[in-house]
Amino acid sequence: MLSITDPKILIVGGGEIGSGLSILYSCLKDNIIAFDIYESQNVDFVADAHFIPIQGDYFDLVIIQAVLEHVLDPKQVVAEISRVLKNDGIVYAETPFMQQVHEGPFDFTRFSESGHRFLFNNFKQISSGYTSGVGTSLVWALDFFFSGLFRSRYVGKIARIVFFWLRLFDNIVPDTFNIDGACGVYFMGKKAEVNQSGCEIIEYYQGNHKIN
């Protein structure tokens, strides 16, 4: 992904090491700067992603996982990511779509795969799609269904364990259906002088409900 010998990497919302990032930390720990809104052993400073306290054109890669649903203004956060990235710098983002509320009052937004792509409309796409599909979405729904039915989050967690095997259907269901019912979506793009229009995002749609 990065051909740079000594890349500068920023992790937005890095209070916990995100899914799949352990290898990156083991290989490039000294190249990583991480921040979050709370202190932890994984962060270098505490800050609000709406106002990243770092000079512009500094990082080669910015990673933001499971954060954009928790900020009040996702477009402002993406603008800040663009600002601190070098020209041709890369962003990688993962954000929920078909997930129920988590983090209680600090949960604000969801994005379809197309909506997530358009959020990064000033980036040239490298790759975009879903991180987990309809099977995983169903497990989330069953968790909250049984939690509500029995008025117990504990029962919901048991249901999640009992029905974990439904996640395997993510690998069987075609991508177009998984995109429309994705549990989570991702976007990887390069900072560039582009601006995807509304018409272009409609043409871009990758799901199974195309309008003829």
N, C-alpha and C. Protein backbone atom coordinates (compact mmCIF):
# COMPACT_ATOMS: atom_id res chain seq x y z
N MET A 1 0.82 -1.20 0.00
CA MET A 1 0.00 0.00 0.00
C MET A 1 0.86 1.25 0.00
N LEU A 2 1.93 1.26 0.83
CA LEU A 2 2.84 2.39 0.88
C LEU A 2 4.21 1.96 0.36
N SER A 3 4.74 2.72 -0.57
CA SER A 3 6.07 2.41 -1.11
C SER A 3 7.13 3.28 -0.45
N ILE A 4 6.75 4.09 0.53
CA ILE A 4 7.66 5.00 1.20
C ILE A 4 8.47 4.23 2.24
N THR A 5 9.78 4.52 2.31
CA THR A 5 10.67 3.79 3.21
C THR A 5 10.36 4.06 4.68
N ASP A 6 10.08 5.33 5.00
CA ASP A 6 9.87 5.73 6.39
C ASP A 6 8.58 6.54 6.51
N PRO A 7 7.42 5.89 6.36
CA PRO A 7 6.15 6.62 6.29
C PRO A 7 5.72 7.21 7.62
N LYS A 8 5.03 8.33 7.56
CA LYS A 8 4.41 8.93 8.74
C LYS A 8 2.94 8.53 8.74
N ILE A 9 2.51 7.87 9.82
CA ILE A 9 1.17 7.29 9.88
C ILE A 9 0.41 7.87 11.06
N LEU A 10 -0.84 8.28 10.81
CA LEU A 10 -1.71 8.79 11.86
C LEU A 10 -2.90 7.85 12.06
N ILE A 11 -3.17 7.49 13.31
CA ILE A 11 -4.34 6.70 13.65
C ILE A 11 -5.32 7.61 14.38
N VAL A 12 -6.47 7.85 13.77
CA VAL A 12 -7.51 8.67 14.39
C VAL A 12 -8.41 7.75 15.20
N GLY A 13 -8.58 8.04 16.48
CA GLY A 13 -9.35 7.15 17.34
C GLY A 13 -8.55 5.92 17.70
N GLY A 14 -7.29 6.12 18.06
CA GLY A 14 -6.40 4.99 18.31
C GLY A 14 -6.29 4.59 19.77
N GLY A 15 -7.31 4.89 20.57
CA GLY A 15 -7.28 4.49 21.97
C GLY A 15 -7.16 2.99 22.15
N GLU A 16 -7.76 2.25 21.24
CA GLU A 16 -7.59 0.81 21.15
C GLU A 16 -7.04 0.47 19.78
N ILE A 17 -6.22 -0.56 19.71
CA ILE A 17 -5.66 -0.97 18.42
C ILE A 17 -6.76 -1.63 17.61
N GLY A 18 -7.04 -1.07 16.43
CA GLY A 18 -8.15 -1.50 15.61
C GLY A 18 -7.94 -2.87 14.98
N SER A 19 -9.02 -3.43 14.48
CA SER A 19 -8.98 -4.74 13.84
C SER A 19 -8.00 -4.75 12.67
N GLY A 20 -7.08 -5.70 12.68
CA GLY A 20 -6.13 -5.86 11.60
C GLY A 20 -4.90 -4.98 11.70
N LEU A 21 -4.81 -4.13 12.73
CA LEU A 21 -3.69 -3.19 12.82
C LEU A 21 -2.52 -3.70 13.65
N SER A 22 -2.67 -4.85 14.26
CA SER A 22 -1.58 -5.37 15.10
C SER A 22 -0.30 -5.57 14.29
N ILE A 23 -0.43 -6.04 13.07
CA ILE A 23 0.75 -6.26 12.21
C ILE A 23 1.42 -4.93 11.89
N LEU A 24 0.59 -3.91 11.60
CA LEU A 24 1.14 -2.58 11.30
C LEU A 24 1.92 -2.05 12.49
N TYR A 25 1.35 -2.22 13.68
CA TYR A 25 2.05 -1.75 14.88
C TYR A 25 3.34 -2.53 15.12
N SER A 26 3.33 -3.82 14.84
CA SER A 26 4.53 -4.62 15.08
C SER A 26 5.65 -4.27 14.11
N CYS A 27 5.28 -3.83 12.91
CA CYS A 27 6.29 -3.53 11.89
C CYS A 27 6.71 -2.05 11.87
N LEU A 28 5.75 -1.16 12.18
CA LEU A 28 6.00 0.28 12.00
C LEU A 28 5.60 1.09 13.22
N LYS A 29 5.77 0.53 14.40
CA LYS A 29 5.32 1.21 15.62
C LYS A 29 5.93 2.60 15.76
N ASP A 30 7.19 2.75 15.41
CA ASP A 30 7.87 4.04 15.56
C ASP A 30 7.40 5.07 14.54
N ASN A 31 6.68 4.62 13.52
CA ASN A 31 6.19 5.53 12.48
C ASN A 31 4.77 6.01 12.77
N ILE A 32 4.15 5.46 13.81
CA ILE A 32 2.74 5.72 14.07
C ILE A 32 2.55 6.78 15.15
N ILE A 33 1.67 7.73 14.87
CA ILE A 33 1.16 8.65 15.87
C ILE A 33 -0.34 8.38 15.99
N ALA A 34 -0.80 8.18 17.22
CA ALA A 34 -2.22 7.87 17.44
C ALA A 34 -2.80 8.85 18.45
N PHE A 35 -4.08 9.20 18.25
CA PHE A 35 -4.75 10.02 19.24
C PHE A 35 -6.20 9.59 19.38
N ASP A 36 -6.81 10.01 20.48
CA ASP A 36 -8.22 9.74 20.75
C ASP A 36 -8.72 10.82 21.69
N ILE A 37 -10.00 10.73 22.06
CA ILE A 37 -10.56 11.73 22.97
C ILE A 37 -10.35 11.34 24.43
N TYR A 38 -9.68 10.21 24.67
CA TYR A 38 -9.37 9.78 26.02
C TYR A 38 -7.95 9.24 26.07
N GLU A 39 -7.38 9.24 27.26
CA GLU A 39 -6.02 8.74 27.42
C GLU A 39 -6.00 7.22 27.43
N SER A 40 -4.96 6.67 26.84
CA SER A 40 -4.70 5.23 26.93
C SER A 40 -3.23 5.02 26.60
N GLN A 41 -2.76 3.81 26.83
CA GLN A 41 -1.35 3.52 26.56
C GLN A 41 -1.03 3.54 25.08
N ASN A 42 -2.08 3.55 24.24
CA ASN A 42 -1.87 3.50 22.79
C ASN A 42 -1.83 4.87 22.13
N VAL A 43 -2.18 5.94 22.86
CA VAL A 43 -2.25 7.26 22.22
C VAL A 43 -1.07 8.13 22.60
N ASP A 44 -0.72 9.01 21.68
CA ASP A 44 0.36 9.96 21.91
C ASP A 44 -0.16 11.29 22.45
N PHE A 45 -1.42 11.60 22.16
CA PHE A 45 -2.03 12.80 22.70
C PHE A 45 -3.56 12.66 22.63
N VAL A 46 -4.23 13.51 23.36
CA VAL A 46 -5.70 13.54 23.38
C VAL A 46 -6.17 14.74 22.58
N ALA A 47 -7.13 14.51 21.66
CA ALA A 47 -7.60 15.61 20.81
C ALA A 47 -8.94 15.25 20.20
N ASP A 48 -9.59 16.26 19.64
CA ASP A 48 -10.85 16.14 18.93
C ASP A 48 -10.55 16.03 17.44
N ALA A 49 -11.07 15.00 16.79
CA ALA A 49 -10.78 14.77 15.37
C ALA A 49 -11.33 15.88 14.46
N HIS A 50 -12.24 16.70 14.98
CA HIS A 50 -12.72 17.83 14.19
C HIS A 50 -11.65 18.91 14.04
N PHE A 51 -10.66 18.88 14.95
CA PHE A 51 -9.60 19.90 14.95
C PHE A 51 -8.29 19.21 15.31
N ILE A 52 -7.69 18.55 14.35
CA ILE A 52 -6.46 17.79 14.60
C ILE A 52 -5.30 18.77 14.78
N PRO A 53 -4.65 18.76 15.95
CA PRO A 53 -3.61 19.75 16.24
C PRO A 53 -2.25 19.40 15.64
N ILE A 54 -2.23 19.22 14.33
CA ILE A 54 -1.00 18.88 13.62
C ILE A 54 -0.96 19.70 12.34
N GLN A 55 0.22 20.09 11.94
CA GLN A 55 0.40 20.89 10.73
C GLN A 55 -0.11 20.15 9.50
N GLY A 56 -0.44 20.88 8.46
CA GLY A 56 -0.92 20.28 7.23
C GLY A 56 0.17 19.60 6.43
N ASP A 57 -0.25 18.74 5.50
CA ASP A 57 0.67 18.07 4.57
C ASP A 57 1.79 17.32 5.31
N TYR A 58 1.42 16.55 6.31
CA TYR A 58 2.44 15.92 7.15
C TYR A 58 2.47 14.40 7.03
N PHE A 59 1.31 13.76 6.95
CA PHE A 59 1.25 12.30 7.00
C PHE A 59 1.16 11.65 5.62
N ASP A 60 1.72 10.44 5.54
CA ASP A 60 1.62 9.64 4.31
C ASP A 60 0.38 8.75 4.33
N LEU A 61 -0.08 8.40 5.53
CA LEU A 61 -1.24 7.51 5.68
C LEU A 61 -2.02 7.91 6.92
N VAL A 62 -3.35 8.00 6.78
CA VAL A 62 -4.24 8.20 7.92
C VAL A 62 -5.23 7.04 7.96
N ILE A 63 -5.38 6.44 9.12
CA ILE A 63 -6.31 5.33 9.32
C ILE A 63 -7.36 5.76 10.33
N ILE A 64 -8.62 5.54 9.99
CA ILE A 64 -9.72 5.88 10.90
C ILE A 64 -10.74 4.74 10.86
N GLN A 65 -10.81 3.98 11.94
CA GLN A 65 -11.68 2.81 12.02
C GLN A 65 -12.72 3.00 13.11
N ALA A 66 -13.99 2.78 12.76
CA ALA A 66 -15.09 2.82 13.74
C ALA A 66 -15.07 4.11 14.55
N VAL A 67 -14.89 5.23 13.85
CA VAL A 67 -14.84 6.54 14.49
C VAL A 67 -15.88 7.49 13.91
N LEU A 68 -16.05 7.48 12.60
CA LEU A 68 -16.89 8.49 11.94
C LEU A 68 -18.35 8.44 12.39
N GLU A 69 -18.81 7.30 12.90
CA GLU A 69 -20.18 7.24 13.41
C GLU A 69 -20.31 7.95 14.76
N HIS A 70 -19.17 8.24 15.39
CA HIS A 70 -19.18 8.85 16.72
C HIS A 70 -18.86 10.34 16.73
N VAL A 71 -18.65 10.93 15.57
CA VAL A 71 -18.34 12.37 15.51
C VAL A 71 -19.57 13.13 15.04
N LEU A 72 -19.70 14.38 15.48
CA LEU A 72 -20.87 15.17 15.14
C LEU A 72 -20.87 15.62 13.68
N ASP A 73 -19.69 15.83 13.12
CA ASP A 73 -19.59 16.34 11.76
C ASP A 73 -18.56 15.54 10.97
N PRO A 74 -18.96 14.39 10.40
CA PRO A 74 -18.01 13.55 9.66
C PRO A 74 -17.29 14.29 8.53
N LYS A 75 -17.97 15.19 7.83
CA LYS A 75 -17.33 15.91 6.72
C LYS A 75 -16.19 16.79 7.23
N GLN A 76 -16.37 17.39 8.41
CA GLN A 76 -15.30 18.19 9.00
C GLN A 76 -14.10 17.33 9.35
N VAL A 77 -14.36 16.13 9.89
CA VAL A 77 -13.27 15.22 10.23
C VAL A 77 -12.52 14.78 8.98
N VAL A 78 -13.26 14.46 7.92
CA VAL A 78 -12.62 14.06 6.65
C VAL A 78 -11.81 15.22 6.08
N ALA A 79 -12.32 16.44 6.21
CA ALA A 79 -11.58 17.61 5.75
C ALA A 79 -10.27 17.77 6.52
N GLU A 80 -10.31 17.49 7.82
CA GLU A 80 -9.09 17.54 8.63
C GLU A 80 -8.11 16.45 8.21
N ILE A 81 -8.63 15.27 7.92
CA ILE A 81 -7.76 14.19 7.44
C ILE A 81 -7.07 14.61 6.14
N SER A 82 -7.83 15.19 5.24
CA SER A 82 -7.27 15.67 3.98
C SER A 82 -6.20 16.73 4.23
N ARG A 83 -6.45 17.61 5.16
CA ARG A 83 -5.51 18.70 5.45
C ARG A 83 -4.16 18.18 5.94
N VAL A 84 -4.18 17.17 6.84
CA VAL A 84 -2.92 16.70 7.42
C VAL A 84 -2.20 15.70 6.52
N LEU A 85 -2.88 15.21 5.48
CA LEU A 85 -2.24 14.29 4.54
C LEU A 85 -1.37 15.04 3.54
N LYS A 86 -0.25 14.42 3.18
CA LYS A 86 0.57 14.95 2.10
C LYS A 86 -0.17 14.78 0.77
N ASN A 87 0.25 15.51 -0.25
CA ASN A 87 -0.27 15.27 -1.59
C ASN A 87 0.00 13.82 -1.96
N ASP A 88 -1.02 13.14 -2.47
CA ASP A 88 -0.96 11.71 -2.79
C ASP A 88 -0.93 10.82 -1.55
N GLY A 89 -1.14 11.41 -0.36
CA GLY A 89 -1.26 10.61 0.85
C GLY A 89 -2.51 9.75 0.81
N ILE A 90 -2.53 8.68 1.61
CA ILE A 90 -3.60 7.70 1.55
C ILE A 90 -4.42 7.71 2.84
N VAL A 91 -5.74 7.60 2.68
CA VAL A 91 -6.64 7.42 3.82
C VAL A 91 -7.27 6.04 3.74
N TYR A 92 -7.42 5.41 4.91
CA TYR A 92 -8.17 4.16 5.00
C TYR A 92 -9.20 4.33 6.11
N ALA A 93 -10.48 4.14 5.77
CA ALA A 93 -11.56 4.33 6.73
C ALA A 93 -12.49 3.13 6.76
N GLU A 94 -12.94 2.77 7.96
CA GLU A 94 -13.98 1.77 8.15
C GLU A 94 -15.07 2.38 9.02
N THR A 95 -16.33 2.20 8.59
CA THR A 95 -17.45 2.81 9.29
C THR A 95 -18.65 1.87 9.24
N PRO A 96 -19.44 1.79 10.30
CA PRO A 96 -20.62 0.91 10.30
C PRO A 96 -21.70 1.37 9.33
N PHE A 97 -22.50 0.42 8.88
CA PHE A 97 -23.72 0.71 8.13
C PHE A 97 -24.90 0.09 8.88
N MET A 98 -25.10 -1.23 8.78
CA MET A 98 -26.23 -1.89 9.42
C MET A 98 -25.82 -2.39 10.81
N GLN A 99 -25.60 -1.44 11.70
CA GLN A 99 -25.32 -1.76 13.10
C GLN A 99 -26.23 -0.93 13.99
N GLN A 100 -26.63 -1.53 15.10
CA GLN A 100 -27.44 -0.80 16.07
C GLN A 100 -26.55 0.17 16.86
N VAL A 101 -27.19 0.98 17.67
CA VAL A 101 -26.47 2.00 18.44
C VAL A 101 -25.46 1.34 19.39
N HIS A 102 -24.25 1.86 19.39
CA HIS A 102 -23.25 1.49 20.38
C HIS A 102 -22.60 2.79 20.87
N GLU A 103 -21.98 2.76 22.00
CA GLU A 103 -21.46 3.96 22.67
C GLU A 103 -22.58 4.94 23.01
N GLY A 104 -23.79 4.44 23.13
CA GLY A 104 -24.92 5.22 23.63
C GLY A 104 -25.07 6.60 23.02
N PRO A 105 -24.96 7.66 23.85
CA PRO A 105 -25.21 9.02 23.35
C PRO A 105 -24.14 9.53 22.39
N PHE A 106 -23.07 8.77 22.22
CA PHE A 106 -21.99 9.19 21.33
C PHE A 106 -22.03 8.42 20.01
N ASP A 107 -23.22 8.13 19.54
CA ASP A 107 -23.41 7.41 18.29
C ASP A 107 -24.39 8.22 17.44
N PHE A 108 -23.94 8.69 16.27
CA PHE A 108 -24.71 9.68 15.53
C PHE A 108 -25.06 9.32 14.08
N THR A 109 -24.23 8.52 13.42
CA THR A 109 -24.33 8.46 11.96
C THR A 109 -24.07 7.05 11.43
N ARG A 110 -24.70 6.72 10.30
CA ARG A 110 -24.40 5.51 9.55
C ARG A 110 -24.23 5.86 8.08
N PHE A 111 -23.44 5.05 7.36
CA PHE A 111 -23.22 5.28 5.94
C PHE A 111 -23.41 4.01 5.14
N SER A 112 -24.19 4.10 4.05
CA SER A 112 -24.18 3.03 3.06
C SER A 112 -22.82 3.06 2.37
N GLU A 113 -22.55 2.05 1.57
CA GLU A 113 -21.26 2.02 0.87
C GLU A 113 -21.13 3.21 -0.07
N SER A 114 -22.21 3.56 -0.77
CA SER A 114 -22.17 4.72 -1.66
C SER A 114 -22.01 6.02 -0.87
N GLY A 115 -22.74 6.14 0.24
CA GLY A 115 -22.64 7.34 1.06
C GLY A 115 -21.26 7.51 1.65
N HIS A 116 -20.64 6.41 2.04
CA HIS A 116 -19.28 6.44 2.58
C HIS A 116 -18.30 6.88 1.50
N ARG A 117 -18.48 6.34 0.29
CA ARG A 117 -17.63 6.76 -0.83
C ARG A 117 -17.76 8.26 -1.07
N PHE A 118 -18.99 8.77 -1.02
CA PHE A 118 -19.21 10.19 -1.30
C PHE A 118 -18.67 11.08 -0.19
N LEU A 119 -18.62 10.56 1.03
CA LEU A 119 -18.03 11.31 2.12
C LEU A 119 -16.58 11.67 1.80
N PHE A 120 -15.92 10.78 1.07
CA PHE A 120 -14.53 10.99 0.67
C PHE A 120 -14.46 11.42 -0.81
N ASN A 121 -15.40 12.27 -1.22
CA ASN A 121 -15.49 12.60 -2.65
C ASN A 121 -14.32 13.40 -3.16
N ASN A 122 -13.49 13.95 -2.27
CA ASN A 122 -12.29 14.67 -2.71
C ASN A 122 -11.06 13.78 -2.76
N PHE A 123 -11.28 12.47 -2.66
CA PHE A 123 -10.19 11.51 -2.75
C PHE A 123 -10.36 10.63 -3.99
N LYS A 124 -9.25 10.28 -4.60
CA LYS A 124 -9.27 9.33 -5.70
C LYS A 124 -9.34 7.93 -5.12
N GLN A 125 -10.35 7.17 -5.52
CA GLN A 125 -10.56 5.84 -4.95
C GLN A 125 -9.47 4.86 -5.35
N ILE A 126 -8.99 4.13 -4.36
CA ILE A 126 -8.13 2.97 -4.59
C ILE A 126 -8.97 1.70 -4.46
N SER A 127 -9.76 1.66 -3.40
CA SER A 127 -10.63 0.51 -3.17
C SER A 127 -11.77 0.94 -2.25
N SER A 128 -12.92 0.29 -2.40
CA SER A 128 -14.08 0.59 -1.55
C SER A 128 -14.99 -0.62 -1.55
N GLY A 129 -15.68 -0.85 -0.44
CA GLY A 129 -16.58 -1.99 -0.37
C GLY A 129 -17.07 -2.22 1.04
N TYR A 130 -17.34 -3.48 1.39
CA TYR A 130 -17.86 -3.81 2.71
C TYR A 130 -16.82 -4.58 3.50
N THR A 131 -16.80 -4.37 4.81
CA THR A 131 -15.90 -5.10 5.69
C THR A 131 -16.54 -6.38 6.20
N SER A 132 -17.85 -6.36 6.38
CA SER A 132 -18.60 -7.54 6.79
C SER A 132 -20.02 -7.41 6.25
N GLY A 133 -20.63 -8.55 5.92
CA GLY A 133 -21.86 -8.52 5.15
C GLY A 133 -23.12 -8.81 5.94
N VAL A 134 -24.11 -9.38 5.21
CA VAL A 134 -25.46 -9.52 5.76
C VAL A 134 -25.55 -10.51 6.92
N GLY A 135 -24.69 -11.52 6.92
CA GLY A 135 -24.69 -12.47 8.03
C GLY A 135 -24.30 -11.80 9.33
N THR A 136 -23.27 -10.96 9.27
CA THR A 136 -22.83 -10.23 10.46
C THR A 136 -23.88 -9.21 10.89
N SER A 137 -24.52 -8.57 9.90
CA SER A 137 -25.60 -7.64 10.23
C SER A 137 -26.72 -8.35 10.99
N LEU A 138 -27.01 -9.57 10.57
CA LEU A 138 -28.08 -10.34 11.21
C LEU A 138 -27.70 -10.69 12.66
N VAL A 139 -26.44 -11.01 12.90
CA VAL A 139 -26.00 -11.31 14.26
C VAL A 139 -26.19 -10.08 15.16
N TRP A 140 -25.84 -8.90 14.64
CA TRP A 140 -26.06 -7.67 15.40
C TRP A 140 -27.55 -7.50 15.71
N ALA A 141 -28.39 -7.71 14.69
CA ALA A 141 -29.84 -7.53 14.88
C ALA A 141 -30.39 -8.50 15.93
N LEU A 142 -29.92 -9.75 15.91
CA LEU A 142 -30.38 -10.74 16.88
C LEU A 142 -29.93 -10.38 18.30
N ASP A 143 -28.73 -9.86 18.42
CA ASP A 143 -28.24 -9.39 19.72
C ASP A 143 -29.23 -8.38 20.31
N PHE A 144 -29.59 -7.37 19.52
CA PHE A 144 -30.47 -6.32 20.03
C PHE A 144 -31.93 -6.79 20.15
N PHE A 145 -32.32 -7.73 19.29
CA PHE A 145 -33.68 -8.28 19.40
C PHE A 145 -33.87 -9.00 20.73
N PHE A 146 -32.94 -9.90 21.06
CA PHE A 146 -33.07 -10.65 22.30
C PHE A 146 -32.81 -9.78 23.53
N SER A 147 -31.94 -8.77 23.38
CA SER A 147 -31.74 -7.81 24.48
C SER A 147 -33.05 -7.12 24.81
N GLY A 148 -33.76 -6.66 23.76
CA GLY A 148 -35.02 -5.97 23.97
C GLY A 148 -36.12 -6.88 24.46
N LEU A 149 -36.17 -8.09 23.90
CA LEU A 149 -37.22 -9.04 24.27
C LEU A 149 -37.14 -9.42 25.74
N PHE A 150 -35.91 -9.64 26.22
CA PHE A 150 -35.72 -10.07 27.60
C PHE A 150 -35.24 -8.95 28.52
N ARG A 151 -35.20 -7.73 27.97
CA ARG A 151 -34.76 -6.56 28.76
C ARG A 151 -33.40 -6.81 29.40
N SER A 152 -32.49 -7.41 28.63
CA SER A 152 -31.20 -7.77 29.20
C SER A 152 -30.11 -7.73 28.13
N ARG A 153 -29.11 -6.91 28.31
CA ARG A 153 -27.98 -6.90 27.39
C ARG A 153 -27.21 -8.21 27.48
N TYR A 154 -27.23 -8.83 28.65
CA TYR A 154 -26.53 -10.11 28.84
C TYR A 154 -27.12 -11.17 27.92
N VAL A 155 -28.44 -11.24 27.83
CA VAL A 155 -29.09 -12.21 26.95
C VAL A 155 -28.72 -11.93 25.49
N GLY A 156 -28.64 -10.66 25.14
CA GLY A 156 -28.23 -10.30 23.78
C GLY A 156 -26.84 -10.80 23.46
N LYS A 157 -25.92 -10.70 24.40
CA LYS A 157 -24.56 -11.17 24.19
C LYS A 157 -24.53 -12.70 24.02
N ILE A 158 -25.38 -13.38 24.77
CA ILE A 158 -25.47 -14.84 24.62
C ILE A 158 -25.98 -15.18 23.21
N ALA A 159 -26.98 -14.42 22.74
CA ALA A 159 -27.51 -14.66 21.40
C ALA A 159 -26.42 -14.45 20.35
N ARG A 160 -25.58 -13.45 20.55
CA ARG A 160 -24.49 -13.20 19.61
C ARG A 160 -23.55 -14.39 19.53
N ILE A 161 -23.29 -15.02 20.67
CA ILE A 161 -22.42 -16.19 20.70
C ILE A 161 -23.11 -17.39 20.04
N VAL A 162 -24.38 -17.60 20.37
CA VAL A 162 -25.13 -18.74 19.84
C VAL A 162 -25.25 -18.68 18.32
N PHE A 163 -25.44 -17.48 17.79
CA PHE A 163 -25.66 -17.32 16.35
C PHE A 163 -24.43 -16.83 15.60
N PHE A 164 -23.24 -17.00 16.19
CA PHE A 164 -22.01 -16.51 15.55
C PHE A 164 -21.83 -17.08 14.15
N TRP A 165 -22.31 -18.31 13.94
CA TRP A 165 -22.11 -19.01 12.67
C TRP A 165 -22.79 -18.30 11.50
N LEU A 166 -23.72 -17.43 11.77
CA LEU A 166 -24.38 -16.69 10.68
C LEU A 166 -23.40 -15.78 9.95
N ARG A 167 -22.32 -15.40 10.63
CA ARG A 167 -21.30 -14.58 10.00
C ARG A 167 -20.69 -15.27 8.77
N LEU A 168 -20.68 -16.60 8.79
CA LEU A 168 -20.09 -17.36 7.70
C LEU A 168 -20.81 -17.11 6.37
N PHE A 169 -22.07 -16.70 6.45
CA PHE A 169 -22.83 -16.45 5.23
C PHE A 169 -22.34 -15.20 4.49
N ASP A 170 -21.54 -14.38 5.16
CA ASP A 170 -20.91 -13.25 4.46
C ASP A 170 -20.08 -13.74 3.28
N ASN A 171 -19.53 -14.96 3.42
CA ASN A 171 -18.65 -15.51 2.37
C ASN A 171 -19.43 -16.20 1.26
N ILE A 172 -20.73 -16.41 1.46
CA ILE A 172 -21.55 -17.11 0.48
C ILE A 172 -22.42 -16.15 -0.31
N VAL A 173 -22.94 -15.14 0.36
CA VAL A 173 -23.82 -14.15 -0.27
C VAL A 173 -23.00 -13.32 -1.27
N PRO A 174 -23.54 -13.08 -2.48
CA PRO A 174 -22.82 -12.27 -3.48
C PRO A 174 -22.51 -10.87 -2.96
N ASP A 175 -21.43 -10.30 -3.46
CA ASP A 175 -20.96 -8.99 -3.00
C ASP A 175 -22.03 -7.91 -3.14
N THR A 176 -22.78 -7.94 -4.22
CA THR A 176 -23.78 -6.89 -4.44
C THR A 176 -24.84 -6.89 -3.34
N PHE A 177 -25.23 -8.07 -2.85
CA PHE A 177 -26.19 -8.16 -1.76
C PHE A 177 -25.53 -7.77 -0.43
N ASN A 178 -24.29 -8.18 -0.24
CA ASN A 178 -23.57 -7.80 0.97
C ASN A 178 -23.39 -6.28 1.07
N ILE A 179 -23.16 -5.64 -0.05
CA ILE A 179 -23.01 -4.18 -0.05
C ILE A 179 -24.30 -3.50 0.41
N ASP A 180 -25.44 -3.99 -0.06
CA ASP A 180 -26.71 -3.38 0.32
C ASP A 180 -27.08 -3.62 1.77
N GLY A 181 -26.59 -4.70 2.37
CA GLY A 181 -26.91 -5.01 3.76
C GLY A 181 -25.68 -5.12 4.64
N ALA A 182 -24.61 -4.44 4.24
CA ALA A 182 -23.33 -4.56 4.95
C ALA A 182 -23.43 -4.16 6.40
N CYS A 183 -22.74 -4.89 7.25
CA CYS A 183 -22.61 -4.47 8.64
C CYS A 183 -21.67 -3.28 8.74
N GLY A 184 -20.61 -3.30 7.93
CA GLY A 184 -19.65 -2.21 7.90
C GLY A 184 -19.08 -2.03 6.51
N VAL A 185 -18.63 -0.82 6.22
CA VAL A 185 -18.06 -0.50 4.91
C VAL A 185 -16.68 0.12 5.08
N TYR A 186 -15.91 0.12 3.97
CA TYR A 186 -14.58 0.72 4.04
C TYR A 186 -14.32 1.56 2.79
N PHE A 187 -13.36 2.43 2.91
CA PHE A 187 -12.90 3.22 1.76
C PHE A 187 -11.40 3.42 1.89
N MET A 188 -10.69 3.22 0.79
CA MET A 188 -9.27 3.56 0.71
C MET A 188 -9.09 4.49 -0.49
N GLY A 189 -8.47 5.61 -0.26
CA GLY A 189 -8.30 6.56 -1.35
C GLY A 189 -7.06 7.40 -1.19
N LYS A 190 -6.72 8.10 -2.27
CA LYS A 190 -5.54 8.94 -2.32
C LYS A 190 -5.96 10.40 -2.42
N LYS A 191 -5.33 11.23 -1.62
CA LYS A 191 -5.60 12.66 -1.68
C LYS A 191 -5.28 13.17 -3.08
N ALA A 192 -6.25 13.83 -3.69
CA ALA A 192 -6.09 14.27 -5.08
C ALA A 192 -7.01 15.45 -5.35
N GLU A 193 -6.74 16.15 -6.45
CA GLU A 193 -7.58 17.28 -6.86
C GLU A 193 -8.77 16.75 -7.65
N VAL A 194 -9.70 16.12 -6.93
CA VAL A 194 -10.90 15.57 -7.56
C VAL A 194 -12.10 16.00 -6.74
N ASN A 195 -13.27 15.91 -7.32
CA ASN A 195 -14.51 16.23 -6.60
C ASN A 195 -15.64 15.46 -7.27
N GLN A 196 -15.96 14.32 -6.69
CA GLN A 196 -16.99 13.46 -7.27
C GLN A 196 -18.36 14.13 -7.13
N SER A 197 -19.10 14.18 -8.22
CA SER A 197 -20.39 14.85 -8.22
C SER A 197 -21.50 13.92 -7.75
N GLY A 198 -22.68 14.50 -7.50
CA GLY A 198 -23.84 13.69 -7.12
C GLY A 198 -24.22 12.70 -8.19
N CYS A 199 -24.16 13.12 -9.44
CA CYS A 199 -24.49 12.22 -10.54
C CYS A 199 -23.51 11.06 -10.61
N GLU A 200 -22.25 11.35 -10.37
CA GLU A 200 -21.23 10.30 -10.42
C GLU A 200 -21.42 9.28 -9.31
N ILE A 201 -21.85 9.73 -8.13
CA ILE A 201 -22.04 8.77 -7.04
C ILE A 201 -23.25 7.89 -7.30
N ILE A 202 -24.24 8.40 -8.00
CA ILE A 202 -25.38 7.56 -8.37
C ILE A 202 -24.94 6.49 -9.37
N GLU A 203 -24.11 6.88 -10.32
CA GLU A 203 -23.58 5.91 -11.28
C GLU A 203 -22.66 4.91 -10.61
N TYR A 204 -22.01 5.34 -9.55
CA TYR A 204 -21.03 4.51 -8.85
C TYR A 204 -21.67 3.31 -8.14
N TYR A 205 -22.90 3.42 -7.68
CA TYR A 205 -23.57 2.43 -6.84
C TYR A 205 -23.20 0.99 -7.21
N GLN A 206 -22.77 0.20 -6.22
CA GLN A 206 -22.24 -1.16 -6.45
C GLN A 206 -23.20 -2.26 -5.98
N GLY A 207 -24.37 -1.90 -5.47
CA GLY A 207 -25.26 -2.90 -4.89
C GLY A 207 -26.15 -3.61 -5.88
N ASN A 208 -27.18 -4.29 -5.36
CA ASN A 208 -28.01 -5.16 -6.18
C ASN A 208 -29.33 -4.51 -6.58
N HIS A 209 -29.58 -3.27 -6.19
CA HIS A 209 -30.85 -2.62 -6.46
C HIS A 209 -30.70 -1.50 -7.46
N LYS A 210 -30.01 -1.78 -8.56
CA LYS A 210 -29.85 -0.79 -9.62
C LYS A 210 -31.20 -0.49 -10.28
N ILE A 211 -31.40 0.77 -10.62
CA ILE A 211 -32.62 1.19 -11.27
C ILE A 211 -32.40 1.27 -12.77
N ASN A 212 -33.22 0.56 -13.54
CA ASN A 212 -33.04 0.54 -14.99
C ASN A 212 -33.68 1.78 -15.61
